[in-house]
Amino acid sequence: MIDNDYLTLDEVCKILDKTPTTIRRYARESLLTSEQHGEELSFNKDEVMRCLRFSDRLS
């Protein structure tokens, strides 16, 4: 079970408007910190939101 401070891959894809392949690449390249929970990847919610704010500023 993933707690409220973490987001699933699908949630991150929706928030950042990216494909699962892109988000997995970000995790693999340490652009986003991820944790493995069984077969699920999870992402720190605060970090994902920082990434979103950063990408908004670049747009």
N, C-alpha and C. Protein backbone atom coordinates (compact mmCIF):
# COMPACT_ATOMS: atom_id res chain seq x y z
N MET A 1 0.83 -1.19 0.00
CA MET A 1 0.00 0.00 0.00
C MET A 1 0.88 1.26 0.00
N ILE A 2 0.53 2.21 -0.82
CA ILE A 2 1.27 3.46 -0.95
C ILE A 2 0.59 4.51 -0.07
N ASP A 3 1.38 5.22 0.74
CA ASP A 3 0.76 6.23 1.61
C ASP A 3 0.49 7.51 0.84
N ASN A 4 -0.15 8.47 1.52
CA ASN A 4 -0.61 9.70 0.87
C ASN A 4 0.51 10.63 0.42
N ASP A 5 1.73 10.41 0.90
CA ASP A 5 2.85 11.26 0.50
C ASP A 5 3.46 10.79 -0.82
N TYR A 6 2.95 9.70 -1.37
CA TYR A 6 3.48 9.14 -2.60
C TYR A 6 2.39 9.01 -3.64
N LEU A 7 2.80 9.11 -4.90
CA LEU A 7 1.89 9.01 -6.03
C LEU A 7 2.26 7.79 -6.88
N THR A 8 1.26 7.22 -7.52
CA THR A 8 1.50 6.10 -8.43
C THR A 8 2.01 6.63 -9.76
N LEU A 9 2.51 5.74 -10.57
CA LEU A 9 2.98 6.10 -11.92
C LEU A 9 1.86 6.77 -12.71
N ASP A 10 0.65 6.22 -12.66
CA ASP A 10 -0.47 6.80 -13.40
C ASP A 10 -0.79 8.21 -12.94
N GLU A 11 -0.75 8.43 -11.63
CA GLU A 11 -1.03 9.77 -11.09
C GLU A 11 0.02 10.77 -11.56
N VAL A 12 1.29 10.36 -11.53
CA VAL A 12 2.37 11.25 -11.97
C VAL A 12 2.22 11.58 -13.46
N CYS A 13 1.88 10.59 -14.25
CA CYS A 13 1.67 10.81 -15.69
C CYS A 13 0.61 11.87 -15.93
N LYS A 14 -0.49 11.80 -15.18
CA LYS A 14 -1.57 12.77 -15.34
C LYS A 14 -1.14 14.16 -14.89
N ILE A 15 -0.46 14.24 -13.75
CA ILE A 15 -0.05 15.54 -13.21
C ILE A 15 0.95 16.23 -14.14
N LEU A 16 1.94 15.46 -14.61
CA LEU A 16 2.99 16.05 -15.44
C LEU A 16 2.68 16.01 -16.93
N ASP A 17 1.57 15.38 -17.30
CA ASP A 17 1.15 15.24 -18.70
C ASP A 17 2.25 14.58 -19.53
N LYS A 18 2.75 13.46 -19.03
CA LYS A 18 3.80 12.68 -19.69
C LYS A 18 3.36 11.23 -19.78
N THR A 19 3.98 10.49 -20.67
CA THR A 19 3.68 9.07 -20.82
C THR A 19 4.38 8.26 -19.73
N PRO A 20 3.88 7.05 -19.46
CA PRO A 20 4.56 6.19 -18.50
C PRO A 20 6.02 5.92 -18.87
N THR A 21 6.29 5.79 -20.15
CA THR A 21 7.67 5.57 -20.61
C THR A 21 8.57 6.74 -20.21
N THR A 22 8.07 7.96 -20.38
CA THR A 22 8.85 9.15 -20.03
C THR A 22 9.09 9.21 -18.53
N ILE A 23 8.06 8.94 -17.73
CA ILE A 23 8.21 9.00 -16.28
C ILE A 23 9.17 7.92 -15.79
N ARG A 24 9.09 6.73 -16.36
CA ARG A 24 10.05 5.67 -15.99
C ARG A 24 11.47 6.08 -16.36
N ARG A 25 11.64 6.76 -17.50
CA ARG A 25 12.98 7.24 -17.90
C ARG A 25 13.47 8.29 -16.90
N TYR A 26 12.58 9.22 -16.50
CA TYR A 26 12.95 10.20 -15.49
C TYR A 26 13.45 9.51 -14.22
N ALA A 27 12.76 8.45 -13.82
CA ALA A 27 13.15 7.71 -12.61
C ALA A 27 14.49 7.01 -12.83
N ARG A 28 14.66 6.38 -13.96
CA ARG A 28 15.90 5.67 -14.28
C ARG A 28 17.10 6.62 -14.32
N GLU A 29 16.87 7.84 -14.83
CA GLU A 29 17.94 8.82 -14.95
C GLU A 29 18.04 9.74 -13.72
N SER A 30 17.32 9.37 -12.65
CA SER A 30 17.33 10.11 -11.38
C SER A 30 16.84 11.55 -11.51
N LEU A 31 15.98 11.79 -12.48
CA LEU A 31 15.35 13.11 -12.60
C LEU A 31 14.16 13.22 -11.65
N LEU A 32 13.58 12.09 -11.32
CA LEU A 32 12.53 11.98 -10.31
C LEU A 32 12.88 10.79 -9.43
N THR A 33 12.85 10.98 -8.14
CA THR A 33 13.13 9.89 -7.21
C THR A 33 11.92 8.97 -7.16
N SER A 34 12.18 7.68 -7.26
CA SER A 34 11.09 6.72 -7.19
C SER A 34 11.44 5.63 -6.19
N GLU A 35 10.41 4.94 -5.73
CA GLU A 35 10.57 3.79 -4.86
C GLU A 35 9.77 2.65 -5.43
N GLN A 36 10.27 1.45 -5.25
CA GLN A 36 9.59 0.26 -5.72
C GLN A 36 8.76 -0.31 -4.57
N HIS A 37 7.46 -0.50 -4.78
CA HIS A 37 6.57 -1.11 -3.80
C HIS A 37 5.97 -2.33 -4.49
N GLY A 38 6.59 -3.48 -4.31
CA GLY A 38 6.16 -4.66 -5.05
C GLY A 38 6.46 -4.44 -6.52
N GLU A 39 5.43 -4.49 -7.33
CA GLU A 39 5.62 -4.25 -8.77
C GLU A 39 5.32 -2.80 -9.15
N GLU A 40 4.88 -2.00 -8.18
CA GLU A 40 4.50 -0.60 -8.43
C GLU A 40 5.64 0.35 -8.14
N LEU A 41 5.80 1.34 -9.02
CA LEU A 41 6.69 2.46 -8.74
C LEU A 41 5.88 3.53 -8.03
N SER A 42 6.48 4.19 -7.07
CA SER A 42 5.82 5.33 -6.44
C SER A 42 6.79 6.50 -6.41
N PHE A 43 6.20 7.69 -6.36
CA PHE A 43 6.97 8.92 -6.46
C PHE A 43 6.56 9.85 -5.33
N ASN A 44 7.53 10.54 -4.75
CA ASN A 44 7.26 11.49 -3.68
C ASN A 44 6.41 12.63 -4.23
N LYS A 45 5.27 12.86 -3.59
CA LYS A 45 4.31 13.86 -4.07
C LYS A 45 4.92 15.26 -4.10
N ASP A 46 5.66 15.64 -3.05
CA ASP A 46 6.26 16.98 -3.01
C ASP A 46 7.23 17.18 -4.17
N GLU A 47 8.02 16.17 -4.47
CA GLU A 47 8.99 16.27 -5.56
C GLU A 47 8.28 16.40 -6.91
N VAL A 48 7.22 15.65 -7.10
CA VAL A 48 6.45 15.73 -8.35
C VAL A 48 5.86 17.13 -8.51
N MET A 49 5.33 17.69 -7.43
CA MET A 49 4.74 19.02 -7.51
C MET A 49 5.81 20.08 -7.77
N ARG A 50 7.02 19.91 -7.22
CA ARG A 50 8.13 20.83 -7.53
C ARG A 50 8.48 20.75 -9.01
N CYS A 51 8.50 19.55 -9.54
CA CYS A 51 8.80 19.35 -10.97
C CYS A 51 7.73 20.04 -11.82
N LEU A 52 6.48 19.94 -11.42
CA LEU A 52 5.39 20.59 -12.16
C LEU A 52 5.56 22.10 -12.13
N ARG A 53 5.85 22.67 -10.96
CA ARG A 53 6.03 24.13 -10.87
C ARG A 53 7.23 24.58 -11.71
N PHE A 54 8.29 23.80 -11.70
CA PHE A 54 9.47 24.14 -12.49
C PHE A 54 9.16 24.12 -13.97
N SER A 55 8.45 23.08 -14.42
CA SER A 55 8.13 23.00 -15.85
C SER A 55 7.16 24.11 -16.26
N ASP A 56 6.28 24.52 -15.34
CA ASP A 56 5.36 25.63 -15.64
C ASP A 56 6.14 26.94 -15.83
N ARG A 57 7.18 27.13 -15.02
CA ARG A 57 7.98 28.35 -15.14
C ARG A 57 8.78 28.37 -16.44
N LEU A 58 9.13 27.21 -16.96
CA LEU A 58 9.88 27.14 -18.22
C LEU A 58 9.01 27.38 -19.43
N SER A 59 7.72 27.18 -19.27
CA SER A 59 6.80 27.34 -20.40
C SER A 59 6.51 28.78 -20.71
